[in-house]
């Protein structure tokens, strides 16, 4: 795969990275998302230290990811349950014929 050198700006600091070319948009979007969250925290709370803002951002983002993971598991469970219900209904219908 093609590697790419990029510079990612987070919290007024630039970080050089080597990433796969197909990851570039995801990495840039993640940096934008982090910076946006940090700005929201800075505007809404009396926190000015960048490290504190990064910690708050990380905590919130990881908590959200965990919640999305739970929802994904529920969705998968419900999908499988509906699949089993359909299979059982088909089986019972075939038995009646």
Protein backbone atom coordinates (compact mmCIF):
# COMPACT_ATOMS: atom_id res chain seq x y z
CA UNK A 1 0.00 0.00 0.00
CA UNK A 2 1.00 3.60 -0.50
CA UNK A 3 2.27 5.40 2.56
CA UNK A 4 1.81 9.10 2.90
CA UNK A 5 3.45 11.72 5.14
CA UNK A 6 0.96 14.17 6.58
CA UNK A 7 0.95 16.88 9.21
CA UNK A 8 -2.02 16.83 11.56
CA UNK A 9 -2.85 19.92 13.63
CA UNK A 10 -4.45 19.28 17.03
CA UNK A 11 -4.64 21.83 19.84
CA UNK A 12 -2.40 24.31 18.02
CA UNK A 13 0.34 21.71 17.62
CA UNK A 14 1.39 19.96 14.46
CA UNK A 15 2.08 16.24 14.46
CA UNK A 16 3.88 14.58 11.54
CA UNK A 17 2.47 11.15 10.74
CA UNK A 18 3.00 8.37 8.25
CA UNK A 19 -0.31 6.82 7.25
CA UNK A 20 -1.76 4.72 4.47
CA UNK A 21 -3.02 6.84 1.60
CA UNK A 22 -6.57 5.51 2.00
CA UNK A 23 -6.58 6.67 5.65
CA UNK A 24 -5.83 10.32 4.90
CA UNK A 25 -9.41 11.59 4.88
CA UNK A 26 -10.27 9.70 8.09
CA UNK A 27 -7.23 11.09 9.89
CA UNK A 28 -7.95 14.66 8.79
CA UNK A 29 -11.63 14.33 9.74
CA UNK A 30 -10.64 12.96 13.16
CA UNK A 31 -8.32 15.94 13.77
CA UNK A 32 -11.09 18.35 12.77
CA UNK A 33 -13.51 16.57 15.08
CA UNK A 34 -11.09 16.72 18.01
CA UNK A 35 -10.38 20.41 17.46
CA UNK A 36 -14.10 21.18 17.22
CA UNK A 37 -14.82 19.33 20.48
CA UNK A 38 -11.98 21.10 22.22
CA UNK A 39 -13.33 24.47 21.09
CA UNK A 40 -16.79 23.56 22.41
CA UNK A 41 -15.31 22.65 25.81
CA UNK A 42 -13.24 25.83 25.85
CA UNK A 43 -16.31 27.95 25.05
CA UNK A 44 -18.60 26.24 27.57
CA UNK A 45 -16.27 25.67 30.52
CA UNK A 46 -13.66 27.73 32.32
CA UNK A 47 -10.92 25.41 31.12
CA UNK A 48 -8.08 26.92 29.10
CA UNK A 49 -5.30 24.35 29.50
CA UNK A 50 -5.03 22.39 26.24
CA UNK A 51 -4.09 19.17 28.04
CA UNK A 52 -7.24 19.38 30.16
CA UNK A 53 -9.32 20.06 27.05
CA UNK A 54 -7.76 17.06 25.30
CA UNK A 55 -8.47 14.83 28.31
CA UNK A 56 -12.11 15.97 28.41
CA UNK A 57 -12.43 15.43 24.67
CA UNK A 58 -10.92 11.94 24.87
CA UNK A 59 -13.21 10.97 27.73
CA UNK A 60 -16.32 12.15 25.92
CA UNK A 61 -15.37 10.55 22.59
CA UNK A 62 -14.53 7.18 24.13
CA UNK A 63 -17.77 7.19 26.11
CA UNK A 64 -19.72 7.91 22.93
CA UNK A 65 -17.89 5.13 21.10
CA UNK A 66 -18.81 2.70 23.86
CA UNK A 67 -22.47 3.75 23.61
CA UNK A 68 -22.39 3.25 19.83
CA UNK A 69 -20.87 -0.19 20.37
CA UNK A 70 -23.70 -1.16 22.70
CA UNK A 71 -26.28 0.02 20.19
CA UNK A 72 -24.53 -1.94 17.45
CA UNK A 73 -24.65 -5.09 19.60
CA UNK A 74 -28.36 -4.52 20.27
CA UNK A 75 -29.03 -4.03 16.56
CA UNK A 76 -27.16 -7.22 15.70
CA UNK A 77 -29.02 -9.14 18.42
CA UNK A 78 -32.39 -7.85 17.21
CA UNK A 79 -31.54 -8.68 13.60
CA UNK A 80 -30.57 -12.25 14.56
CA UNK A 81 -33.70 -12.60 16.69
CA UNK A 82 -35.91 -11.53 13.77
CA UNK A 83 -34.03 -13.93 11.51
CA UNK A 84 -34.67 -16.82 13.91
CA UNK A 85 -38.31 -15.83 14.24
CA UNK A 86 -38.70 -15.85 10.44
CA UNK A 87 -36.97 -19.23 10.16
CA UNK A 88 -39.22 -20.69 12.88
CA UNK A 89 -42.34 -19.28 11.20
CA UNK A 90 -41.24 -20.74 7.85
CA UNK A 91 -40.60 -24.12 9.48
CA UNK A 92 -43.98 -24.16 11.23
CA UNK A 93 -45.73 -23.11 8.04
CA UNK A 94 -44.03 -25.95 6.15
CA UNK A 95 -45.17 -28.41 8.82
CA UNK A 96 -48.81 -27.31 8.37
CA UNK A 97 -48.72 -28.07 4.62
